[in-house]
Amino acid sequence: DEEDDPEPDPDPDEEDDPEPDPDPDEEDDPDEDTDHIPTEGSPCGGQESYIDIRNNERYNLVEIGSLCWFAESLNYETSNSWCYENSDANCSAFGRLYTFEAAKSACPSGWKLPDDDDFKEVEQVAGMSVGDRGRSGWRGVREGDKIKSQSDWDGNNEIGFSALPAGGREADGEFTGINKGVSFWTTTDSGAAAWTRHLYSGFSGINRTLLPKGSGISVRCIKDY
């Protein structure tokens, strides 16, 4: 169902005070987005992370536009949710894959599954035109790169969404696309399908497409005000 897819000389008797060497154990995080760190009075209320008390899973938070988002995909076990190829390591790395019905109630209390318009706001912040945001299929120019993580594939994570190539599970149970692509549910449905957002390696845009509700794909939660 996816579509194709910038002085004077120093005093010689005065010795320079060298700067201390950086801590060798402290490395820069390529996906740390300092421009979108939550501050008090902002959408995330100054919170930089959230701990889901249901399983003590910790999620980084990111502010995009007027919304507070999980900067990681949900990893909470429900019925009709899976680890890619049933591997716990894949759940730890990429989060779980949920059917549409499971996704609608999977987010913790105080958080919810985003709708189609919530994702359009992310696309607006990433620079997508109004006309493109309303279309289906592959849209935009570099907006997809701006929401992909810098690690694991070809993104620059400019707005801090940090999408990872989690792959997905077809309605027939086949796992496909890990390390190549990722899809995210919205609450906006249409009959037996629902609107999703899809990213794929080598494609710089964002695909807005309908997927069957029985598909297993990733979930991002937003703060429920």
Protein backbone atom coordinates (compact mmCIF):
# COMPACT_ATOMS: atom_id res chain seq x y z
CA ASP A 1 0.00 0.00 0.00
CA GLU A 2 3.07 2.32 0.30
CA GLU A 3 3.77 4.60 -2.61
CA ASP A 4 7.14 4.67 -4.37
CA ASP A 5 8.52 4.33 -3.01
CA PRO A 6 30.07 29.90 8.01
CA GLU A 7 47.31 42.52 19.20
CA PRO A 8 50.09 43.32 21.09
CA ASP A 9 52.87 40.76 21.62
CA PRO A 10 52.42 38.74 24.79
CA ASP A 11 54.68 39.33 27.79
CA PRO A 12 57.52 36.77 27.39
CA ASP A 13 57.59 36.31 31.19
CA GLU A 14 53.90 35.47 31.31
CA GLU A 15 53.15 31.83 30.70
CA ASP A 16 50.03 30.78 28.91
CA ASP A 17 47.42 29.06 31.03
CA PRO A 18 46.55 26.03 28.92
CA GLU A 19 42.89 24.98 28.76
CA PRO A 20 42.22 21.62 30.40
CA ASP A 21 41.95 18.67 28.08
CA PRO A 22 38.39 17.53 27.41
CA ASP A 23 37.14 14.51 29.26
CA PRO A 24 38.07 11.57 27.00
CA ASP A 25 35.01 9.69 28.22
CA GLU A 26 32.63 12.47 27.22
CA GLU A 27 31.54 12.18 23.59
CA ASP A 28 29.23 14.41 21.59
CA ASP A 29 25.86 12.90 20.85
CA PRO A 30 25.28 13.36 17.10
CA ASP A 31 21.54 13.34 17.64
CA GLU A 32 21.45 15.80 20.57
CA ASP A 33 19.35 18.74 19.35
CA THR A 34 20.22 21.72 21.56
CA ASP A 35 17.89 24.06 19.65
CA HIS A 36 14.84 22.07 20.80
CA ILE A 37 15.72 21.31 24.43
CA PRO A 38 12.59 21.92 26.51
CA THR A 39 12.48 25.02 28.73
CA GLU A 40 10.10 25.99 31.51
CA GLY A 41 6.85 27.41 30.14
CA SER A 42 7.33 25.64 26.80
CA PRO A 43 5.30 22.71 25.40
CA CYS A 44 7.27 20.15 27.45
CA GLY A 45 7.19 22.33 30.58
CA GLY A 46 10.95 22.13 31.04
CA GLN A 47 11.01 18.32 31.00
CA GLU A 48 13.85 16.82 28.96
CA SER A 49 12.75 13.24 29.48
CA TYR A 50 9.81 11.16 30.66
CA ILE A 51 9.74 7.84 32.51
CA ASP A 52 6.82 5.55 31.74
CA ILE A 53 5.93 4.13 35.16
CA ARG A 54 4.29 1.10 33.55
CA ASN A 55 7.69 -0.43 32.68
CA ASN A 56 10.25 2.25 33.77
CA GLU A 57 11.17 2.96 30.16
CA ARG A 58 12.77 6.40 29.77
CA TYR A 59 12.10 8.58 26.70
CA ASN A 60 13.85 11.77 25.62
CA LEU A 61 11.47 14.62 24.79
CA VAL A 62 11.62 17.20 22.02
CA GLU A 63 9.61 20.32 21.31
CA ILE A 64 8.50 20.73 17.71
CA GLY A 65 6.25 23.69 17.03
CA SER A 66 3.54 23.86 19.69
CA LEU A 67 3.83 20.19 20.70
CA CYS A 68 5.90 18.07 23.06
CA TRP A 69 6.92 14.76 21.43
CA PHE A 70 8.65 11.61 22.52
CA ALA A 71 11.99 11.75 20.68
CA GLU A 72 11.97 7.95 20.61
CA SER A 73 9.46 5.37 19.50
CA LEU A 74 7.28 3.72 22.12
CA ASN A 75 8.48 0.47 23.67
CA TYR A 76 5.59 -0.78 25.80
CA GLU A 77 4.20 -4.24 25.33
CA THR A 78 0.50 -4.51 24.52
CA SER A 79 -1.58 -7.12 22.77
CA ASN A 80 -1.10 -6.88 19.01
CA SER A 81 2.39 -5.41 19.28
CA TRP A 82 5.70 -7.01 18.36
CA CYS A 83 9.46 -6.66 18.37
CA TYR A 84 10.85 -6.84 14.84
CA GLU A 85 11.41 -10.53 14.13
CA ASN A 86 10.39 -11.13 17.76
CA SER A 87 13.83 -9.96 18.96
CA ASP A 88 13.97 -8.06 22.26
CA ALA A 89 17.14 -6.36 21.01
CA ASN A 90 15.14 -4.77 18.19
CA CYS A 91 12.55 -3.47 20.66
CA SER A 92 15.36 -1.95 22.75
CA ALA A 93 16.89 -0.29 19.69
CA PHE A 94 13.80 0.77 17.75
CA GLY A 95 10.68 0.37 19.90
CA ARG A 96 7.73 -1.96 19.32
CA LEU A 97 5.52 -2.31 16.26
CA TYR A 98 1.77 -1.85 16.85
CA THR A 99 -1.45 -2.38 14.95
CA PHE A 100 -3.64 0.70 14.61
CA GLU A 101 -6.06 -0.38 17.35
CA ALA A 102 -3.20 -1.19 19.74
CA ALA A 103 -1.47 2.10 18.94
CA LYS A 104 -4.53 4.17 19.85
CA SER A 105 -4.31 3.18 23.51
CA ALA A 106 -0.60 2.37 23.87
CA CYS A 107 0.71 5.77 25.02
CA PRO A 108 0.97 6.34 28.80
CA SER A 109 -1.49 8.47 30.74
CA GLY A 110 -1.06 12.15 29.87
CA TRP A 111 0.18 11.29 26.39
CA LYS A 112 -1.60 10.34 23.18
CA LEU A 113 -1.14 9.17 19.62
CA PRO A 114 -0.78 12.17 17.24
CA ASP A 115 -3.26 12.83 14.47
CA ASP A 116 -2.56 13.69 10.85
CA ASP A 117 -2.51 17.45 11.58
CA ASP A 118 0.06 16.96 14.37
CA PHE A 119 2.43 15.40 11.85
CA LYS A 120 1.68 18.23 9.41
CA GLU A 121 2.95 20.66 12.09
CA VAL A 122 6.21 18.68 12.26
CA GLU A 123 6.44 18.91 8.48
CA GLN A 124 5.77 22.67 8.62
CA VAL A 125 8.61 23.15 11.13
CA ALA A 126 10.83 21.07 8.83
CA GLY A 127 10.03 23.51 6.00
CA MET A 128 7.38 21.73 3.95
CA SER A 129 5.04 23.95 1.95
CA VAL A 130 1.32 24.17 2.71
CA GLY A 131 0.52 22.59 -0.64
CA ASP A 132 2.78 19.61 -0.06
CA ARG A 133 1.54 19.03 3.48
CA GLY A 134 -1.98 18.41 2.21
CA ARG A 135 -1.01 15.90 -0.48
CA SER A 136 -0.54 12.18 -0.19
CA GLY A 137 2.48 10.20 -1.38
CA TRP A 138 6.06 11.40 -1.31
CA ARG A 139 6.22 15.13 -0.57
CA GLY A 140 8.85 17.77 0.17
CA VAL A 141 12.52 18.02 -0.70
CA ARG A 142 14.73 17.54 2.40
CA GLU A 143 12.12 17.43 5.15
CA GLY A 144 12.53 13.70 5.67
CA ASP A 145 16.26 14.11 6.28
CA LYS A 146 15.48 16.71 8.95
CA ILE A 147 13.47 14.24 11.04
CA LYS A 148 15.68 11.18 10.51
CA SER A 149 18.30 10.37 13.13
CA GLN A 150 21.94 11.00 12.21
CA SER A 151 22.79 7.51 13.42
CA ASP A 152 21.78 4.33 11.63
CA TRP A 153 20.93 6.01 8.31
CA ASP A 154 21.02 9.16 6.13
CA GLY A 155 19.37 11.89 8.23
CA ASN A 156 20.64 15.14 9.76
CA ASN A 157 18.00 15.30 12.54
CA GLU A 158 17.75 19.08 12.18
CA ILE A 159 14.55 19.36 14.23
CA GLY A 160 15.30 16.62 16.75
CA PHE A 161 12.62 14.06 15.87
CA SER A 162 15.30 11.33 15.73
CA ALA A 163 13.45 8.78 13.59
CA LEU A 164 15.20 5.42 13.33
CA PRO A 165 14.77 2.76 10.61
CA ALA A 166 12.65 0.37 12.66
CA GLY A 167 11.05 -1.48 9.76
CA GLY A 168 7.53 -2.83 10.11
CA ARG A 169 5.26 -5.87 10.14
CA GLU A 170 2.85 -6.56 7.31
CA ALA A 171 -0.74 -7.48 8.15
CA ASP A 172 0.09 -11.07 7.10
CA GLY A 173 2.85 -11.26 9.75
CA GLU A 174 5.90 -10.69 7.54
CA PHE A 175 8.56 -8.39 9.00
CA THR A 176 10.18 -6.06 6.48
CA GLY A 177 12.36 -2.97 6.11
CA ILE A 178 14.52 -2.83 9.24
CA ASN A 179 17.57 -0.54 8.75
CA LYS A 180 15.85 0.80 5.63
CA GLY A 181 12.59 2.49 6.59
CA VAL A 182 10.07 3.40 9.29
CA SER A 183 6.37 4.26 9.45
CA PHE A 184 4.37 6.02 12.17
CA TRP A 185 0.65 5.79 12.93
CA THR A 186 -1.72 8.75 13.23
CA THR A 187 -5.20 8.58 14.75
CA THR A 188 -6.70 9.76 11.47
CA ASP A 189 -8.31 6.77 9.79
CA SER A 190 -10.20 6.07 6.59
CA GLY A 191 -12.22 2.87 6.59
CA ALA A 192 -9.98 -0.16 6.98
CA ALA A 193 -6.83 1.98 6.74
CA ALA A 194 -5.26 4.93 8.59
CA TRP A 195 -2.93 7.75 7.62
CA THR A 196 0.73 7.21 8.39
CA ARG A 197 4.10 8.87 7.79
CA HIS A 198 6.81 6.85 6.12
CA LEU A 199 10.56 7.50 5.75
CA TYR A 200 12.95 5.43 3.68
CA SER A 201 16.70 5.33 3.18
CA GLY A 202 17.73 7.23 0.07
CA PHE A 203 14.50 9.26 -0.02
CA SER A 204 14.72 12.80 1.40
CA GLY A 205 10.97 13.51 1.51
CA ILE A 206 8.16 12.23 3.74
CA ASN A 207 5.54 9.81 2.48
CA ARG A 208 1.96 10.42 3.67
CA THR A 209 0.14 7.21 2.95
CA LEU A 210 -2.72 4.97 4.08
CA LEU A 211 -1.83 1.59 5.59
CA PRO A 212 -4.13 -1.29 6.58
CA LYS A 213 -4.99 -1.11 10.28
CA GLY A 214 -3.58 -4.60 10.82
CA SER A 215 -0.07 -3.47 9.88
CA GLY A 216 2.52 -3.29 12.67
CA ILE A 217 4.41 0.01 12.70
CA SER A 218 5.99 2.50 15.11
CA VAL A 219 4.30 4.85 17.58
CA ARG A 220 5.34 8.30 18.75
CA CYS A 221 3.47 9.88 21.66
CA ILE A 222 2.67 13.57 22.15
CA LYS A 223 1.70 15.38 25.36
CA ASP A 224 -2.05 15.41 25.91
CA TYR A 225 -2.86 18.88 27.25
